[in-house]
């Protein structure tokens, strides 16, 4: 819970790619000593790299998010990193790249849970309509010598639980076969490993990956942003398939919905089994919310819980508002009143009839600066237009989570480095200038209100 809150806080200042590299691999919890936070590394090598790249930012965030009096205590590496390359436990830990990819280590007798331990089949709430994809995931996790379904492709809408199932598979494999090695990550993690595009480096990364016994890859739809990876993924696929090693892929919608896939890659993905996850029903959301509220000792009435679960049918949105309720209780040290409950829902309500789009955001920003939307998409370099364009890029990134390459395409074919510069520039303005922060918040509200 503490880690989620810190991450949300850091997202306002640092790009997603940075947080994936130095923040996500950490295990963070309240320390045994009063007014302390405990931080553990996934492996010893990561600690050295973290000291140079993330330590100051993390400690500053802890002081601002919790209290200036809180101290950060660094523990020995004892947790299992759930995203990355996991070598066999008998080998000496090594690190391939500073991408958050890490080596698995067994938990020590101290009893601290592995970082991915909450993502298990037991904690995946579902009903009859999702029995088939869950049963399929459990079957491939049995780790037979000759996989029955290879590859397994888990498809479903955003927030339906694909990532949870993928991590549950990885967790089950490690429980049943502790000596097995697992590559578990998403497309961005894979792209980070291949950031050195030279043939020699690419071959070395491939050699490390194919040494694993299992290959689990999330967010397959993001291949559209990294087209160069498609040929490499074909090579990885062939190696794992030829050696009877299980592969699992997750993607939104079905494979036919992704026209950018190379025919050779698409045909390979269709060799195995497609399991379609459906959006979780109301009863599942209520069970999840009730459990979450009980765990965090938040008191809501039955009517409030039902209202909450009716408004947020996307699990990620539901998780987000539950996180806000918990943060309010922790930070204010008081129960959530009916007034505060309604205020939190009002400011996080995503159940509008019209979904928020980049066009809506561009239109709101253009109107504020008294420009035309086409001006923001043009190559014009007038100071007013450039600023408005940068604000629109920042808001689109923040509100929609669009990738930098995708943003570049939205705004007239800009290079992704231009988008990164624009987003970071606005982030700095928000931190340094109170008026800019107020303006951005005002524009955010207008964008969200425009979809009602």
Protein backbone atom coordinates (compact mmCIF):
# COMPACT_ATOMS: atom_id res chain seq x y z
CA UNK A 1 0.00 0.00 0.00
CA UNK A 2 2.82 2.40 0.92
CA UNK A 3 4.63 1.62 -2.32
CA UNK A 4 1.51 2.33 -4.41
CA UNK A 5 1.05 5.68 -2.71
CA UNK A 6 4.68 6.65 -3.24
CA UNK A 7 4.50 5.65 -6.88
CA UNK A 8 1.43 7.78 -7.49
CA UNK A 9 3.27 10.67 -5.85
CA UNK A 10 6.39 10.14 -7.99
CA UNK A 11 4.36 9.84 -11.21
CA UNK A 12 3.75 13.59 -11.00
CA UNK A 13 7.49 14.25 -11.32
CA UNK A 14 9.17 11.42 -13.20
CA UNK A 15 8.51 9.66 -16.51
CA UNK A 16 7.01 6.17 -16.41
CA UNK A 17 10.16 4.69 -17.93
CA UNK A 18 12.31 6.06 -15.09
CA UNK A 19 10.00 4.68 -12.42
CA UNK A 20 10.00 1.27 -14.06
CA UNK A 21 13.79 1.20 -13.96
CA UNK A 22 14.63 2.32 -10.43
CA UNK A 23 11.38 2.32 -8.41
CA UNK A 24 9.29 -0.70 -9.42
CA UNK A 25 11.98 -3.31 -8.59
CA UNK A 26 12.12 -2.12 -4.95
CA UNK A 27 10.30 -3.70 -2.02
CA UNK A 28 9.05 -0.86 0.21
CA UNK A 29 7.26 -1.11 3.54
CA UNK A 30 7.05 0.60 6.90
CA UNK A 31 10.17 -0.17 8.98
CA UNK A 32 10.37 -1.94 12.31
CA UNK A 33 11.83 1.22 13.83
CA UNK A 34 9.43 4.09 14.54
CA UNK A 35 9.23 6.73 11.78
CA UNK A 36 11.19 4.64 9.28
CA UNK A 37 10.65 3.10 5.85
CA UNK A 38 12.34 -0.14 4.86
CA UNK A 39 13.63 -0.58 1.30
CA UNK A 40 14.94 -3.90 -0.09
CA UNK A 41 16.65 -4.46 -3.45
CA UNK A 42 15.86 -7.37 -5.82
CA UNK A 43 19.57 -8.25 -5.87
CA UNK A 44 22.90 -6.85 -4.72
CA UNK A 45 23.94 -5.43 -8.08
CA UNK A 46 20.80 -3.35 -8.30
CA UNK A 47 21.69 -1.54 -5.07
CA UNK A 48 24.86 -0.07 -6.57
CA UNK A 49 23.03 1.19 -9.64
CA UNK A 50 20.10 2.49 -7.58
CA UNK A 51 22.39 4.62 -5.41
CA UNK A 52 23.31 6.69 -8.45
CA UNK A 53 19.96 6.78 -10.24
CA UNK A 54 17.09 6.65 -7.74
CA UNK A 55 18.22 7.08 -4.13
CA UNK A 56 17.91 10.90 -3.86
CA UNK A 57 14.51 10.94 -5.58
CA UNK A 58 13.12 8.17 -3.39
CA UNK A 59 14.30 9.70 -0.12
CA UNK A 60 12.94 13.13 -1.09
CA UNK A 61 9.58 11.57 -2.01
CA UNK A 62 9.39 9.74 1.33
CA UNK A 63 10.00 12.97 3.23
CA UNK A 64 7.38 14.88 1.27
CA UNK A 65 4.77 12.12 1.04
CA UNK A 66 4.94 10.96 4.69
CA UNK A 67 6.94 13.32 6.92
CA UNK A 68 10.32 15.11 6.98
CA UNK A 69 11.13 13.11 10.10
CA UNK A 70 10.93 9.71 8.38
CA UNK A 71 14.22 7.95 7.66
CA UNK A 72 14.83 5.41 4.89
CA UNK A 73 16.54 2.18 5.93
CA UNK A 74 18.00 -0.10 3.23
CA UNK A 75 17.67 -3.84 3.75
CA UNK A 76 19.64 -6.73 2.24
CA UNK A 77 18.28 -8.12 -1.08
CA UNK A 78 15.71 -10.73 -0.12
CA UNK A 79 12.72 -10.28 -2.42
CA UNK A 80 11.73 -11.79 -5.71
CA UNK A 81 11.53 -9.27 -8.53
CA UNK A 82 8.36 -10.01 -10.46
CA UNK A 83 9.35 -8.32 -13.68
CA UNK A 84 12.49 -9.24 -15.55
CA UNK A 85 14.89 -12.02 -16.29
CA UNK A 86 15.03 -14.60 -13.52
CA UNK A 87 18.09 -16.78 -13.63
CA UNK A 88 18.18 -20.21 -12.04
CA UNK A 89 18.82 -19.97 -8.33
CA UNK A 90 21.98 -22.05 -8.56
CA UNK A 91 23.70 -19.45 -10.70
CA UNK A 92 25.52 -16.35 -9.58
CA UNK A 93 23.23 -13.29 -9.91
CA UNK A 94 23.97 -11.07 -12.87
CA UNK A 95 22.19 -8.12 -14.41
CA UNK A 96 21.63 -7.72 -18.13
CA UNK A 97 20.47 -4.12 -18.28
CA UNK A 98 19.38 -1.22 -16.11
CA UNK A 99 15.79 -1.68 -17.14
CA UNK A 100 14.31 -3.05 -13.98
CA UNK A 101 15.09 -6.55 -15.22
CA UNK A 102 16.36 -8.45 -12.26
CA UNK A 103 17.51 -11.76 -10.92
CA UNK A 104 15.24 -13.83 -8.76
CA UNK A 105 16.37 -14.63 -5.27
CA UNK A 106 14.59 -16.83 -2.75
CA UNK A 107 13.09 -15.12 0.29
CA UNK A 108 15.19 -15.40 3.42
CA UNK A 109 13.90 -16.94 6.66
CA UNK A 110 12.94 -13.46 7.84
CA UNK A 111 9.45 -14.15 6.55
CA UNK A 112 9.12 -11.12 4.26
CA UNK A 113 6.79 -11.95 1.39
CA UNK A 114 8.00 -11.92 -2.19
CA UNK A 115 7.10 -8.79 -4.09
CA UNK A 116 4.80 -10.69 -6.45
CA UNK A 117 3.22 -12.90 -3.79
CA UNK A 118 -0.10 -11.02 -3.91
CA UNK A 119 -0.54 -12.06 -7.55
CA UNK A 120 -1.62 -15.68 -7.18
CA UNK A 121 -4.43 -17.82 -8.49
CA UNK A 122 -5.98 -17.76 -5.01
CA UNK A 123 -6.15 -13.96 -4.99
CA UNK A 124 -7.59 -13.74 -8.52
CA UNK A 125 -11.30 -13.15 -7.95
CA UNK A 126 -13.54 -14.44 -10.73
CA UNK A 127 -16.85 -16.14 -11.43
CA UNK A 128 -18.15 -18.66 -13.96
CA UNK A 129 -17.64 -16.52 -17.04
CA UNK A 130 -13.85 -16.44 -16.52
CA UNK A 131 -13.37 -20.06 -15.47
CA UNK A 132 -11.85 -21.04 -18.82
CA UNK A 133 -8.97 -18.49 -18.94
CA UNK A 134 -8.13 -19.17 -15.26
CA UNK A 135 -8.15 -22.94 -15.84
CA UNK A 136 -5.96 -22.46 -18.91
CA UNK A 137 -3.48 -20.37 -16.93
CA UNK A 138 -3.34 -22.99 -14.16
CA UNK A 139 -2.72 -25.71 -16.71
CA UNK A 140 0.32 -24.04 -18.29
CA UNK A 141 1.67 -23.27 -14.81
CA UNK A 142 1.90 -27.00 -14.07
CA UNK A 143 5.18 -26.86 -15.96
CA UNK A 144 4.91 -30.11 -17.87
CA UNK A 145 7.90 -31.16 -19.93
CA UNK A 146 5.79 -30.99 -23.09
CA UNK A 147 3.39 -28.02 -22.89
CA UNK A 148 -0.16 -28.73 -24.02
CA UNK A 149 -0.95 -25.16 -25.00
CA UNK A 150 2.01 -23.32 -26.44
CA UNK A 151 1.72 -20.44 -26.64
CA UNK A 152 -1.13 -19.42 -24.35
CA UNK A 153 -2.49 -15.99 -25.32
CA UNK A 154 -4.60 -14.28 -22.65
CA UNK A 155 -6.70 -11.50 -24.18
CA UNK A 156 -9.15 -9.12 -22.59
CA UNK A 157 -10.11 -5.48 -22.01
CA UNK A 158 -8.02 -3.18 -19.86
CA UNK A 159 -8.49 -3.85 -16.17
CA UNK A 160 -9.84 -7.39 -16.60
CA UNK A 161 -6.88 -9.01 -14.80
CA UNK A 162 -4.51 -10.16 -17.54
CA UNK A 163 -1.38 -8.99 -15.73
CA UNK A 164 -2.55 -10.61 -12.50
CA UNK A 165 -2.97 -13.96 -14.26
CA UNK A 166 0.44 -13.67 -15.93
CA UNK A 167 2.12 -13.03 -12.59
CA UNK A 168 0.09 -15.81 -10.99
CA UNK A 169 1.53 -18.20 -13.57
CA UNK A 170 5.06 -17.04 -12.73
CA UNK A 171 4.35 -17.39 -9.00
CA UNK A 172 2.93 -20.91 -9.41
CA UNK A 173 5.92 -22.00 -11.51
CA UNK A 174 8.32 -20.84 -8.82
CA UNK A 175 6.30 -22.60 -6.14
CA UNK A 176 6.22 -25.88 -8.06
CA UNK A 177 9.67 -25.73 -9.67
CA UNK A 178 12.00 -23.51 -7.60
CA UNK A 179 14.92 -24.29 -9.91
CA UNK A 180 13.11 -23.12 -13.03
CA UNK A 181 14.08 -19.82 -14.63
CA UNK A 182 11.39 -17.46 -15.87
CA UNK A 183 11.45 -14.40 -18.09
CA UNK A 184 8.48 -12.32 -16.99
CA UNK A 185 7.97 -8.76 -18.19
CA UNK A 186 6.17 -6.53 -20.64
CA UNK A 187 7.01 -5.09 -24.04
CA UNK A 188 8.69 -2.02 -22.54
CA UNK A 189 10.89 -4.23 -20.36
CA UNK A 190 11.88 -6.22 -23.44
CA UNK A 191 12.57 -3.04 -25.42
CA UNK A 192 14.80 -1.74 -22.61
CA UNK A 193 16.94 -4.87 -22.80
CA UNK A 194 17.39 -4.31 -26.52
CA UNK A 195 18.18 -0.61 -26.19
CA UNK A 196 21.66 -1.22 -27.64
CA UNK A 197 20.66 -1.96 -31.21
CA UNK A 198 23.98 -3.44 -32.36
CA UNK A 199 23.83 -7.02 -33.71
CA UNK A 200 26.32 -8.25 -31.12
CA UNK A 201 24.39 -6.82 -28.17
CA UNK A 202 21.10 -8.07 -29.59
CA UNK A 203 22.53 -11.58 -29.88
CA UNK A 204 23.78 -11.50 -26.28
CA UNK A 205 20.37 -10.43 -24.94
CA UNK A 206 18.64 -13.12 -26.99
CA UNK A 207 21.07 -15.73 -25.68
CA UNK A 208 20.27 -14.79 -22.08
CA UNK A 209 16.50 -14.80 -22.66
CA UNK A 210 16.32 -18.17 -24.43
CA UNK A 211 18.23 -19.80 -21.58
CA UNK A 212 15.11 -19.41 -19.46
CA UNK A 213 12.62 -22.25 -19.08
CA UNK A 214 9.54 -20.01 -19.44
CA UNK A 215 8.76 -16.85 -21.41
CA UNK A 216 5.91 -14.65 -20.13
CA UNK A 217 5.26 -11.39 -21.97
CA UNK A 218 2.65 -8.76 -21.11
CA UNK A 219 1.14 -5.87 -23.12
CA UNK A 220 1.67 -7.44 -26.53
CA UNK A 221 -0.42 -4.63 -28.07
CA UNK A 222 2.45 -2.23 -27.24
CA UNK A 223 4.46 -3.81 -30.08
CA UNK A 224 2.90 -1.10 -32.22
CA UNK A 225 5.20 1.37 -30.45
CA UNK A 226 8.27 -0.88 -30.86
CA UNK A 227 7.99 -2.36 -34.38
CA UNK A 228 11.66 -3.30 -34.44
CA UNK A 229 10.96 -5.91 -31.76
CA UNK A 230 8.65 -7.97 -33.96
CA UNK A 231 11.43 -9.73 -35.89
CA UNK A 232 13.30 -10.34 -32.64
CA UNK A 233 10.18 -11.74 -31.02
CA UNK A 234 9.80 -14.20 -33.89
CA UNK A 235 13.34 -15.45 -33.23
CA UNK A 236 12.63 -15.79 -29.50
CA UNK A 237 9.33 -17.55 -30.21
CA UNK A 238 10.97 -20.10 -32.50
CA UNK A 239 13.67 -20.90 -29.96
CA UNK A 240 11.24 -21.44 -27.07
CA UNK A 241 8.78 -23.40 -29.21
CA UNK A 242 11.43 -25.64 -30.78
CA UNK A 243 12.74 -26.50 -27.31
CA UNK A 244 9.27 -27.24 -25.86
CA UNK A 245 9.44 -24.29 -23.48
CA UNK A 246 6.17 -22.69 -22.42
CA UNK A 247 5.27 -19.19 -23.63
CA UNK A 248 2.43 -16.96 -22.41
CA UNK A 249 1.40 -13.65 -23.97
CA UNK A 250 -1.15 -11.07 -22.81
CA UNK A 251 -2.83 -8.45 -24.96
CA UNK A 252 -5.92 -6.29 -25.10
CA UNK A 253 -8.67 -7.60 -27.37
CA UNK A 254 -7.93 -10.50 -29.70
CA UNK A 255 -5.03 -10.96 -32.08
CA UNK A 256 -7.16 -10.01 -35.10
CA UNK A 257 -7.69 -6.55 -33.59
CA UNK A 258 -3.97 -5.75 -33.93
CA UNK A 259 -3.40 -5.16 -37.63
CA UNK A 260 0.20 -4.01 -37.08
CA UNK A 261 1.39 -7.55 -36.24
CA UNK A 262 3.59 -9.14 -38.88
CA UNK A 263 1.80 -12.08 -40.55
CA UNK A 264 4.61 -14.45 -39.53
CA UNK A 265 4.35 -13.40 -35.88
CA UNK A 266 0.55 -13.46 -35.88
CA UNK A 267 0.47 -16.99 -37.32
CA UNK A 268 2.85 -18.21 -34.60
CA UNK A 269 0.75 -16.67 -31.85
CA UNK A 270 -2.28 -18.46 -33.29
CA UNK A 271 -0.59 -21.87 -32.99
CA UNK A 272 -1.59 -22.22 -29.37
CA UNK A 273 -4.62 -21.42 -27.23
CA UNK A 274 -6.44 -18.08 -26.99
CA UNK A 275 -8.18 -17.52 -23.65
CA UNK A 276 -10.50 -14.51 -23.55
CA UNK A 277 -10.88 -12.73 -20.20
CA UNK A 278 -14.12 -10.83 -19.71
CA UNK A 279 -14.62 -7.72 -17.60
CA UNK A 280 -15.25 -8.58 -13.96
CA UNK A 281 -18.89 -8.58 -12.81
CA UNK A 282 -20.41 -6.46 -10.07
CA UNK A 283 -20.27 -9.26 -7.49
CA UNK A 284 -16.54 -9.71 -8.04
CA UNK A 285 -15.90 -5.99 -7.70
CA UNK A 286 -17.88 -5.91 -4.44
CA UNK A 287 -15.89 -8.86 -3.07
CA UNK A 288 -12.64 -7.18 -4.02
CA UNK A 289 -13.62 -3.78 -2.60
CA UNK A 290 -14.91 -5.31 0.64
CA UNK A 291 -11.68 -7.24 1.14
CA UNK A 292 -9.55 -4.19 0.35
CA UNK A 293 -11.53 -1.95 2.72
CA UNK A 294 -11.32 -4.52 5.52
CA UNK A 295 -7.57 -4.92 5.02
CA UNK A 296 -7.06 -1.15 5.32
CA UNK A 297 -9.64 -0.75 8.10
CA UNK A 298 -11.77 1.69 6.11
CA UNK A 299 -15.40 1.85 7.20
CA UNK A 300 -17.95 2.30 4.42
CA UNK A 301 -21.64 1.46 4.43
CA UNK A 302 -23.00 -1.27 2.16
CA UNK A 303 -24.71 1.40 0.05
CA UNK A 304 -21.39 3.24 -0.39
CA UNK A 305 -19.61 0.04 -1.45
CA UNK A 306 -22.32 -0.74 -4.00
CA UNK A 307 -22.21 2.82 -5.35
CA UNK A 308 -18.42 2.63 -5.62
CA UNK A 309 -18.52 -0.64 -7.55
CA UNK A 310 -21.32 0.54 -9.83
CA UNK A 311 -19.42 3.63 -10.91
CA UNK A 312 -16.07 1.91 -11.50
CA UNK A 313 -16.52 -1.20 -13.60
CA UNK A 314 -12.85 -1.13 -14.65
CA UNK A 315 -10.78 -2.90 -11.99
CA UNK A 316 -7.88 -0.48 -12.34
CA UNK A 317 -10.15 2.50 -11.79
CA UNK A 318 -11.68 0.74 -8.80
CA UNK A 319 -8.21 0.07 -7.40
CA UNK A 320 -7.33 3.71 -7.92
CA UNK A 321 -10.28 5.09 -5.97
CA UNK A 322 -9.72 2.53 -3.19
CA UNK A 323 -6.13 3.74 -3.01
CA UNK A 324 -7.36 7.33 -2.66
CA UNK A 325 -9.68 6.35 0.17
CA UNK A 326 -6.84 4.59 1.99
CA UNK A 327 -4.46 7.51 1.41
CA UNK A 328 -7.02 9.94 2.82
CA UNK A 329 -7.46 7.83 5.94
CA UNK A 330 -3.69 7.41 6.45
CA UNK A 331 -2.74 11.02 5.79
CA UNK A 332 -5.63 12.67 7.63
CA UNK A 333 -5.66 10.05 10.41
CA UNK A 334 -9.45 10.01 10.41
CA UNK A 335 -12.31 7.94 9.04
CA UNK A 336 -13.73 8.74 5.61
CA UNK A 337 -16.90 10.79 6.18
CA UNK A 338 -19.85 10.66 3.80
CA UNK A 339 -18.94 14.12 2.52
CA UNK A 340 -15.30 13.13 1.85
CA UNK A 341 -16.44 9.89 0.22
CA UNK A 342 -18.65 11.79 -2.21
CA UNK A 343 -15.90 14.32 -2.90
CA UNK A 344 -13.38 11.59 -3.71
CA UNK A 345 -15.84 9.86 -6.04
CA UNK A 346 -16.76 13.12 -7.73
CA UNK A 347 -13.14 13.92 -8.51
CA UNK A 348 -12.30 10.41 -9.71
CA UNK A 349 -15.51 9.53 -11.50
CA UNK A 350 -14.65 7.88 -14.81
CA UNK A 351 -18.09 6.43 -15.55
CA UNK A 352 -19.01 8.99 -18.16
CA UNK A 353 -20.93 8.13 -21.27
CA UNK A 354 -18.20 9.59 -23.47
CA UNK A 355 -14.65 8.34 -22.88
CA UNK A 356 -11.87 10.88 -22.63
CA UNK A 357 -9.82 11.11 -25.83
CA UNK A 358 -6.79 12.98 -27.10
CA UNK A 359 -9.07 15.07 -29.33
CA UNK A 360 -11.02 16.26 -26.28
CA UNK A 361 -7.83 17.21 -24.45
CA UNK A 362 -6.41 19.04 -27.48
CA UNK A 363 -9.70 20.89 -27.90
CA UNK A 364 -9.78 22.02 -24.25
CA UNK A 365 -6.18 23.24 -24.35
CA UNK A 366 -6.64 24.98 -27.70
CA UNK A 367 -9.74 26.79 -26.40
CA UNK A 368 -7.88 28.00 -23.29
CA UNK A 369 -5.05 29.46 -25.37
CA UNK A 370 -7.52 30.83 -27.96
CA UNK A 371 -6.11 28.64 -30.72
CA UNK A 372 -7.46 26.07 -33.15
CA UNK A 373 -6.84 22.36 -32.44
CA UNK A 374 -5.05 22.10 -35.79
CA UNK A 375 -2.50 24.65 -34.56
CA UNK A 376 -1.37 22.22 -31.85
CA UNK A 377 -0.93 19.47 -34.44
CA UNK A 378 1.00 21.66 -36.87
CA UNK A 379 4.71 22.46 -37.25
CA UNK A 380 4.20 26.08 -36.20
CA UNK A 381 6.86 27.32 -33.76
CA UNK A 382 5.16 30.41 -32.37
CA UNK A 383 5.85 30.60 -28.63
CA UNK A 384 2.18 30.50 -27.65
CA UNK A 385 1.49 27.51 -29.89
CA UNK A 386 4.55 25.61 -28.65
CA UNK A 387 3.53 26.08 -25.02
CA UNK A 388 -0.06 25.01 -25.71
CA UNK A 389 1.22 21.94 -27.57
CA UNK A 390 3.48 20.99 -24.68
CA UNK A 391 0.64 21.36 -22.19
CA UNK A 392 -1.61 19.18 -24.38
CA UNK A 393 1.12 16.53 -24.64
CA UNK A 394 1.55 16.53 -20.87
CA UNK A 395 -2.19 16.23 -20.21
CA UNK A 396 -2.62 13.47 -22.78
CA UNK A 397 0.27 11.56 -21.23
CA UNK A 398 -1.06 12.08 -17.70
CA UNK A 399 -4.76 11.48 -18.28
CA UNK A 400 -4.61 8.75 -20.94
CA UNK A 401 -1.23 7.16 -20.23
CA UNK A 402 -0.31 7.32 -23.92
CA UNK A 403 3.22 6.21 -24.80
CA UNK A 404 5.73 8.77 -26.08
CA UNK A 405 5.83 7.32 -29.63
CA UNK A 406 2.02 7.30 -29.74
CA UNK A 407 1.92 10.91 -28.57
CA UNK A 408 4.39 11.85 -31.27
CA UNK A 409 2.07 10.40 -33.90
CA UNK A 410 -0.96 12.19 -32.39
CA UNK A 411 0.76 15.56 -32.57
CA UNK A 412 1.66 15.61 -36.20
CA UNK A 413 4.40 12.99 -36.36
CA UNK A 414 6.75 14.46 -33.74
CA UNK A 415 9.78 12.46 -32.63
CA UNK A 416 9.32 10.74 -29.25
CA UNK A 417 12.28 12.71 -27.85
CA UNK A 418 10.36 15.92 -28.54
CA UNK A 419 7.41 14.59 -26.57
CA UNK A 420 9.61 13.52 -23.64
CA UNK A 421 11.13 17.01 -23.55
CA UNK A 422 7.68 18.63 -23.59
CA UNK A 423 6.25 16.43 -20.81
CA UNK A 424 9.30 16.90 -18.57
CA UNK A 425 9.27 20.66 -19.17
CA UNK A 426 5.67 20.97 -17.98
CA UNK A 427 6.43 18.73 -14.98
CA UNK A 428 9.22 21.12 -13.95
CA UNK A 429 6.93 24.14 -14.42
CA UNK A 430 4.33 22.52 -12.14
CA UNK A 431 6.90 21.97 -9.39
CA UNK A 432 8.47 25.44 -9.64
CA UNK A 433 5.45 27.61 -10.42
CA UNK A 434 2.25 27.61 -8.37
CA UNK A 435 0.23 29.34 -11.10
CA UNK A 436 1.23 26.67 -13.63
CA UNK A 437 0.17 23.94 -11.22
CA UNK A 438 -3.22 25.61 -10.75
CA UNK A 439 -3.64 26.01 -14.50
CA UNK A 440 -2.84 22.35 -15.18
CA UNK A 441 -5.30 21.22 -12.51
CA UNK A 442 -7.95 23.51 -13.99
CA UNK A 443 -7.38 22.11 -17.46
CA UNK A 444 -7.52 18.56 -16.11
CA UNK A 445 -10.91 19.28 -14.59
CA UNK A 446 -12.15 20.80 -17.85
CA UNK A 447 -11.00 17.73 -19.79
CA UNK A 448 -12.76 15.35 -17.40
CA UNK A 449 -15.88 17.54 -17.26
CA UNK A 450 -16.02 17.69 -21.06
CA UNK A 451 -16.78 13.95 -21.16
CA UNK A 452 -19.81 14.13 -18.89
